[in-house]
C-alpha cells in the first residue's frame, strides 16, 4: 500500500494527513498523539474515524497541522482521516457519512464591522 495524503480544514486550522500501513502510531507535528492532545476528548475525536471503521491499530499516521486552536485542529485531523478511510475502502463512506465526519463544517468567525464594538455588538447608545 502506498501513502495516502489527505487534507482537512476547520475554521482556520489546516491538517495534512499521511496514512500508511503500520502498527497504529499517530504522530502530530513530530509529537505523539497523547503529548499533542492532552485531553481524552480531543484524542477520541482524532481516533473516531478509526474506531467507526474498525481500523484502530492497523495504520501509521503522520500529521502536519497548523492554524487555529487545538479543538479546531483536532476536528480538521478528524475530517482528513475520514477522507483517507474512504479512499482506502469505499464501503467506509456508509459508516462515516451518517456520523457527519465527511462534511466540512462551514462555520467561520464573523468579521468585525467598523462603527461597532464586535461583529454584532454595537457601541453603547446614549440618547442625550
N, C-alpha and C. Protein backbone atom coordinates (compact mmCIF):
# COMPACT_ATOMS: atom_id res chain seq x y z
N UNK A 1 0.84 -1.20 0.00
CA UNK A 1 0.00 0.00 0.00
C UNK A 1 0.88 1.25 0.00
N UNK A 2 0.55 2.20 -0.84
CA UNK A 2 1.29 3.46 -0.87
C UNK A 2 0.73 4.41 0.19
N UNK A 3 1.41 5.52 0.38
CA UNK A 3 0.99 6.51 1.38
C UNK A 3 -0.18 7.31 0.81
N UNK A 4 -1.22 7.46 1.63
CA UNK A 4 -2.40 8.24 1.22
C UNK A 4 -2.30 9.61 1.88
N UNK A 5 -2.42 10.66 1.07
CA UNK A 5 -2.32 12.04 1.57
C UNK A 5 -3.68 12.72 1.43
N UNK A 6 -4.20 13.26 2.53
CA UNK A 6 -5.48 13.97 2.52
C UNK A 6 -5.36 15.24 3.35
N UNK A 7 -6.24 16.21 3.04
CA UNK A 7 -6.25 17.49 3.75
C UNK A 7 -7.62 17.70 4.38
N UNK A 8 -7.64 18.20 5.62
CA UNK A 8 -8.88 18.54 6.30
C UNK A 8 -8.76 19.94 6.87
N UNK A 9 -9.88 20.67 6.88
CA UNK A 9 -9.87 22.04 7.41
C UNK A 9 -11.03 22.23 8.39
N UNK A 10 -10.81 23.15 9.36
CA UNK A 10 -11.86 23.53 10.30
C UNK A 10 -11.51 24.91 10.83
N UNK A 11 -12.42 25.88 10.66
CA UNK A 11 -12.14 27.28 11.00
C UNK A 11 -10.85 27.70 10.28
N UNK A 12 -9.79 28.02 11.02
CA UNK A 12 -8.54 28.41 10.35
C UNK A 12 -7.47 27.32 10.45
N UNK A 13 -7.83 26.16 10.96
CA UNK A 13 -6.87 25.06 11.11
C UNK A 13 -6.82 24.23 9.82
N UNK A 14 -5.61 23.85 9.43
CA UNK A 14 -5.41 23.01 8.24
C UNK A 14 -4.58 21.81 8.65
N UNK A 15 -5.08 20.60 8.36
CA UNK A 15 -4.37 19.37 8.71
C UNK A 15 -4.03 18.60 7.45
N UNK A 16 -2.75 18.21 7.34
CA UNK A 16 -2.30 17.34 6.25
C UNK A 16 -1.99 15.99 6.87
N UNK A 17 -2.64 14.94 6.35
CA UNK A 17 -2.55 13.61 6.93
C UNK A 17 -1.91 12.66 5.93
N UNK A 18 -0.93 11.87 6.40
CA UNK A 18 -0.27 10.85 5.58
C UNK A 18 -0.50 9.50 6.24
N UNK A 19 -1.31 8.64 5.61
CA UNK A 19 -1.68 7.35 6.18
C UNK A 19 -0.93 6.24 5.44
N UNK A 20 -0.29 5.35 6.21
CA UNK A 20 0.39 4.19 5.64
C UNK A 20 0.16 2.99 6.55
N UNK A 21 0.39 1.78 6.02
CA UNK A 21 0.21 0.58 6.84
C UNK A 21 1.23 0.55 7.96
N UNK A 22 0.80 0.07 9.13
CA UNK A 22 1.71 0.03 10.27
C UNK A 22 1.05 -0.56 11.49
N UNK A 23 1.50 -0.08 12.66
CA UNK A 23 1.05 -0.63 13.94
C UNK A 23 0.14 0.30 14.73
N UNK A 24 -0.26 1.42 14.14
CA UNK A 24 -1.17 2.33 14.84
C UNK A 24 -0.50 3.51 15.48
N UNK A 25 0.73 3.84 15.06
CA UNK A 25 1.42 5.02 15.61
C UNK A 25 0.86 6.28 14.96
N UNK A 26 0.48 7.25 15.79
CA UNK A 26 -0.04 8.53 15.30
C UNK A 26 0.87 9.63 15.82
N UNK A 27 1.52 10.36 14.89
CA UNK A 27 2.37 11.48 15.28
C UNK A 27 1.78 12.77 14.72
N UNK A 28 1.67 13.77 15.59
CA UNK A 28 1.13 15.07 15.22
C UNK A 28 2.24 16.09 15.40
N UNK A 29 2.66 16.74 14.32
CA UNK A 29 3.76 17.72 14.35
C UNK A 29 4.99 17.16 15.08
N UNK A 30 5.39 15.95 14.74
CA UNK A 30 6.56 15.24 15.29
C UNK A 30 6.44 14.94 16.78
N UNK A 31 5.22 14.97 17.32
CA UNK A 31 4.97 14.58 18.71
C UNK A 31 3.97 13.43 18.71
N UNK A 32 3.97 12.66 19.78
CA UNK A 32 2.99 11.59 19.92
C UNK A 32 1.61 12.21 20.11
N UNK A 33 0.57 11.48 19.71
CA UNK A 33 -0.81 11.99 19.81
C UNK A 33 -1.15 12.40 21.24
N UNK A 34 -0.76 11.56 22.22
CA UNK A 34 -1.10 11.84 23.63
C UNK A 34 -0.34 13.04 24.18
N UNK A 35 0.82 13.36 23.59
CA UNK A 35 1.57 14.54 24.02
C UNK A 35 1.01 15.82 23.41
N UNK A 36 0.51 15.73 22.16
CA UNK A 36 0.00 16.92 21.48
C UNK A 36 -1.40 17.26 21.96
N UNK A 37 -2.29 16.25 22.00
CA UNK A 37 -3.66 16.44 22.50
C UNK A 37 -3.73 15.77 23.87
N UNK A 38 -3.67 16.59 24.93
CA UNK A 38 -3.58 16.03 26.28
C UNK A 38 -4.93 15.57 26.81
N UNK A 39 -6.04 16.16 26.33
CA UNK A 39 -7.35 15.76 26.85
C UNK A 39 -7.87 14.54 26.10
N UNK A 40 -8.60 13.70 26.82
CA UNK A 40 -9.12 12.46 26.22
C UNK A 40 -10.19 12.76 25.18
N UNK A 41 -10.91 13.87 25.33
CA UNK A 41 -11.96 14.24 24.36
C UNK A 41 -11.35 14.48 22.98
N UNK A 42 -10.24 15.22 22.93
CA UNK A 42 -9.60 15.51 21.65
C UNK A 42 -8.96 14.26 21.06
N UNK A 43 -8.40 13.40 21.91
CA UNK A 43 -7.84 12.13 21.43
C UNK A 43 -8.94 11.26 20.84
N UNK A 44 -10.11 11.27 21.47
CA UNK A 44 -11.25 10.50 20.96
C UNK A 44 -11.68 11.02 19.59
N UNK A 45 -11.72 12.36 19.44
CA UNK A 45 -12.12 12.96 18.16
C UNK A 45 -11.18 12.53 17.04
N UNK A 46 -9.87 12.51 17.32
CA UNK A 46 -8.89 12.13 16.30
C UNK A 46 -9.04 10.64 15.95
N UNK A 47 -9.30 9.80 16.95
CA UNK A 47 -9.41 8.35 16.72
C UNK A 47 -10.77 7.90 16.21
N UNK A 48 -11.75 8.79 16.19
CA UNK A 48 -13.12 8.44 15.81
C UNK A 48 -13.23 7.75 14.44
N UNK A 49 -12.57 8.25 13.38
CA UNK A 49 -12.69 7.56 12.08
C UNK A 49 -12.17 6.12 12.12
N UNK A 50 -11.09 5.87 12.90
CA UNK A 50 -10.55 4.52 13.02
C UNK A 50 -11.50 3.61 13.78
N UNK A 51 -12.09 4.14 14.87
CA UNK A 51 -12.99 3.32 15.69
C UNK A 51 -14.26 2.95 14.93
N UNK A 52 -14.81 3.89 14.17
CA UNK A 52 -16.05 3.62 13.44
C UNK A 52 -15.84 2.63 12.29
N UNK A 53 -14.66 2.71 11.64
CA UNK A 53 -14.38 1.81 10.51
C UNK A 53 -13.66 0.54 10.96
N UNK A 54 -13.45 0.38 12.28
CA UNK A 54 -12.78 -0.78 12.87
C UNK A 54 -11.38 -0.99 12.29
N UNK A 55 -10.63 0.11 12.15
CA UNK A 55 -9.26 0.07 11.65
C UNK A 55 -8.26 0.52 12.70
N UNK A 56 -8.64 0.53 13.97
CA UNK A 56 -7.75 1.01 15.02
C UNK A 56 -6.52 0.10 15.12
N UNK A 57 -5.33 0.71 15.10
CA UNK A 57 -4.09 -0.05 15.24
C UNK A 57 -3.58 -0.70 13.98
N UNK A 58 -4.14 -0.38 12.82
CA UNK A 58 -3.69 -1.00 11.58
C UNK A 58 -2.93 -0.04 10.67
N UNK A 59 -2.96 1.26 10.98
CA UNK A 59 -2.30 2.25 10.12
C UNK A 59 -1.40 3.16 10.95
N UNK A 60 -0.27 3.54 10.36
CA UNK A 60 0.58 4.59 10.93
C UNK A 60 0.17 5.90 10.28
N UNK A 61 0.04 6.95 11.09
CA UNK A 61 -0.42 8.24 10.58
C UNK A 61 0.59 9.32 10.97
N UNK A 62 1.00 10.10 9.97
CA UNK A 62 1.87 11.26 10.21
C UNK A 62 1.04 12.48 9.87
N UNK A 63 0.92 13.42 10.82
CA UNK A 63 0.03 14.57 10.65
C UNK A 63 0.82 15.86 10.81
N UNK A 64 0.64 16.77 9.86
CA UNK A 64 1.13 18.15 10.00
C UNK A 64 -0.11 19.03 10.10
N UNK A 65 -0.20 19.80 11.18
CA UNK A 65 -1.36 20.65 11.39
C UNK A 65 -0.90 22.02 11.85
N UNK A 66 -1.56 23.06 11.33
CA UNK A 66 -1.21 24.42 11.72
C UNK A 66 -2.46 25.29 11.70
N UNK A 67 -2.39 26.42 12.41
CA UNK A 67 -3.50 27.37 12.44
C UNK A 67 -4.57 26.98 13.43
N UNK A 68 -5.33 27.96 13.88
CA UNK A 68 -6.46 27.70 14.78
C UNK A 68 -6.03 27.27 16.17
N UNK A 69 -7.01 26.79 16.94
CA UNK A 69 -6.75 26.28 18.28
C UNK A 69 -6.73 24.77 18.26
N UNK A 70 -6.58 24.15 19.44
CA UNK A 70 -6.42 22.70 19.46
C UNK A 70 -7.71 21.96 19.09
N UNK A 71 -8.87 22.52 19.43
CA UNK A 71 -10.13 21.86 19.08
C UNK A 71 -10.34 21.89 17.57
N UNK A 72 -10.11 23.05 16.96
CA UNK A 72 -10.22 23.16 15.51
C UNK A 72 -9.23 22.25 14.80
N UNK A 73 -8.02 22.14 15.36
CA UNK A 73 -7.01 21.26 14.77
C UNK A 73 -7.44 19.80 14.86
N UNK A 74 -8.00 19.40 16.01
CA UNK A 74 -8.45 18.01 16.18
C UNK A 74 -9.56 17.68 15.19
N UNK A 75 -10.48 18.62 14.97
CA UNK A 75 -11.59 18.37 14.05
C UNK A 75 -11.12 18.40 12.59
N UNK A 76 -10.09 19.19 12.29
CA UNK A 76 -9.51 19.18 10.94
C UNK A 76 -8.83 17.84 10.68
N UNK A 77 -8.14 17.30 11.68
CA UNK A 77 -7.49 15.99 11.56
C UNK A 77 -8.54 14.91 11.36
N UNK A 78 -9.65 15.01 12.11
CA UNK A 78 -10.73 14.02 12.00
C UNK A 78 -11.30 13.98 10.59
N UNK A 79 -11.51 15.15 9.98
CA UNK A 79 -12.03 15.21 8.62
C UNK A 79 -11.05 14.60 7.62
N UNK A 80 -9.76 14.93 7.77
CA UNK A 80 -8.75 14.40 6.85
C UNK A 80 -8.64 12.88 6.98
N UNK A 81 -8.66 12.37 8.21
CA UNK A 81 -8.59 10.92 8.42
C UNK A 81 -9.82 10.21 7.85
N UNK A 82 -10.99 10.84 8.00
CA UNK A 82 -12.22 10.25 7.44
C UNK A 82 -12.12 10.16 5.93
N UNK A 83 -11.60 11.21 5.29
CA UNK A 83 -11.43 11.19 3.84
C UNK A 83 -10.44 10.11 3.42
N UNK A 84 -9.39 9.90 4.22
CA UNK A 84 -8.40 8.86 3.92
C UNK A 84 -9.02 7.47 4.05
N UNK A 85 -9.87 7.28 5.07
CA UNK A 85 -10.52 5.97 5.26
C UNK A 85 -11.45 5.64 4.09
N UNK A 86 -12.10 6.67 3.53
CA UNK A 86 -12.98 6.46 2.38
C UNK A 86 -12.15 6.09 1.14
N UNK A 87 -10.98 6.72 1.00
CA UNK A 87 -10.13 6.39 -0.16
C UNK A 87 -9.59 4.96 -0.05
N UNK A 88 -9.31 4.51 1.18
CA UNK A 88 -8.85 3.14 1.39
C UNK A 88 -9.92 2.13 1.01
N UNK A 89 -11.14 2.38 1.48
CA UNK A 89 -12.24 1.46 1.23
C UNK A 89 -13.52 2.26 1.07
N UNK A 90 -14.13 2.17 -0.10
CA UNK A 90 -15.34 2.95 -0.41
C UNK A 90 -16.51 2.59 0.50
N UNK A 91 -16.50 1.39 1.09
CA UNK A 91 -17.59 0.96 1.99
C UNK A 91 -17.59 1.76 3.29
N UNK A 92 -16.45 2.35 3.64
CA UNK A 92 -16.38 3.16 4.87
C UNK A 92 -17.25 4.40 4.79
N UNK A 93 -17.58 4.83 3.57
CA UNK A 93 -18.39 6.04 3.38
C UNK A 93 -19.76 5.88 4.04
N UNK A 94 -20.32 4.67 3.95
CA UNK A 94 -21.66 4.43 4.51
C UNK A 94 -21.66 4.48 6.04
N UNK A 95 -20.51 4.25 6.68
CA UNK A 95 -20.46 4.33 8.15
C UNK A 95 -20.07 5.73 8.63
N UNK A 96 -19.25 6.44 7.84
CA UNK A 96 -18.77 7.76 8.28
C UNK A 96 -19.74 8.89 7.95
N UNK A 97 -20.45 8.78 6.83
CA UNK A 97 -21.34 9.87 6.39
C UNK A 97 -22.49 10.13 7.38
N UNK A 98 -23.18 9.09 7.89
CA UNK A 98 -24.26 9.36 8.86
C UNK A 98 -23.77 10.02 10.15
N UNK A 99 -22.51 9.80 10.51
CA UNK A 99 -21.94 10.42 11.71
C UNK A 99 -21.51 11.87 11.46
N UNK A 100 -21.54 12.30 10.19
CA UNK A 100 -21.18 13.67 9.84
C UNK A 100 -19.69 13.92 9.78
N UNK A 101 -18.90 12.86 9.60
CA UNK A 101 -17.45 13.00 9.60
C UNK A 101 -16.87 13.35 8.23
N UNK A 102 -17.69 13.32 7.19
CA UNK A 102 -17.21 13.65 5.85
C UNK A 102 -17.63 15.05 5.42
N UNK A 103 -18.28 15.79 6.32
CA UNK A 103 -18.78 17.12 5.99
C UNK A 103 -17.86 18.18 6.58
N UNK A 104 -17.41 19.11 5.74
CA UNK A 104 -16.58 20.22 6.21
C UNK A 104 -17.48 21.22 6.91
N UNK A 105 -17.21 21.51 8.18
CA UNK A 105 -18.03 22.45 8.95
C UNK A 105 -17.82 23.86 8.39
N UNK A 106 -18.86 24.49 7.83
CA UNK A 106 -18.66 25.77 7.14
C UNK A 106 -18.59 26.98 8.06
N UNK A 107 -18.83 26.80 9.36
CA UNK A 107 -18.89 27.95 10.26
C UNK A 107 -17.51 28.59 10.43
N UNK A 108 -17.45 29.89 10.17
CA UNK A 108 -16.22 30.65 10.33
C UNK A 108 -16.52 31.85 11.24
N UNK A 109 -15.48 32.46 11.77
CA UNK A 109 -15.65 33.63 12.63
C UNK A 109 -16.13 34.80 11.78
N UNK A 110 -17.20 35.46 12.24
CA UNK A 110 -17.74 36.61 11.51
C UNK A 110 -16.84 37.82 11.74
N UNK A 111 -16.62 38.60 10.69
CA UNK A 111 -15.70 39.73 10.80
C UNK A 111 -16.31 40.87 11.62
N UNK A 112 -15.42 41.65 12.25
CA UNK A 112 -15.84 42.83 12.99
C UNK A 112 -16.14 43.94 11.98
N UNK A 113 -17.24 44.67 12.21
CA UNK A 113 -17.61 45.78 11.32
C UNK A 113 -17.18 47.10 11.95
N UNK A 114 -16.82 48.05 11.11
CA UNK A 114 -16.46 49.37 11.63
C UNK A 114 -17.71 50.06 12.14
N UNK A 115 -17.55 50.91 13.15
CA UNK A 115 -18.70 51.58 13.77
C UNK A 115 -19.41 50.68 14.76
N UNK A 116 -18.85 49.50 15.02
CA UNK A 116 -19.41 48.57 16.01
C UNK A 116 -18.29 48.06 16.88
N UNK A 117 -18.68 47.57 18.09
CA UNK A 117 -17.69 47.08 19.03
C UNK A 117 -17.12 45.73 18.60
N UNK A 118 -18.01 44.82 18.13
CA UNK A 118 -17.61 43.50 17.65
C UNK A 118 -18.39 43.20 16.37
N UNK A 119 -18.52 41.93 16.01
CA UNK A 119 -19.20 41.58 14.77
C UNK A 119 -20.66 42.01 14.78
N UNK A 120 -21.34 41.79 15.92
CA UNK A 120 -22.76 42.15 16.01
C UNK A 120 -23.06 43.12 17.13
N UNK A 121 -22.18 43.18 18.13
CA UNK A 121 -22.40 44.08 19.27
C UNK A 121 -22.13 45.52 18.85
N UNK A 122 -23.02 46.41 19.28
CA UNK A 122 -22.86 47.83 18.95
C UNK A 122 -22.24 48.57 20.14
N UNK A 123 -21.75 49.78 19.88
CA UNK A 123 -21.29 50.62 20.97
C UNK A 123 -22.50 51.05 21.79
N UNK A 124 -22.27 51.40 23.06
CA UNK A 124 -23.36 51.83 23.92
C UNK A 124 -24.00 53.09 23.34
N UNK A 125 -25.34 53.07 23.28
CA UNK A 125 -26.08 54.18 22.68
C UNK A 125 -26.55 55.12 23.78
N UNK A 126 -26.28 56.41 23.59
CA UNK A 126 -26.73 57.41 24.55
C UNK A 126 -27.69 58.34 23.83
N UNK A 127 -28.93 58.41 24.33
CA UNK A 127 -29.94 59.25 23.68
C UNK A 127 -29.62 60.73 23.86
N UNK A 128 -29.13 61.10 25.05
CA UNK A 128 -28.81 62.51 25.33
C UNK A 128 -27.37 62.68 25.74
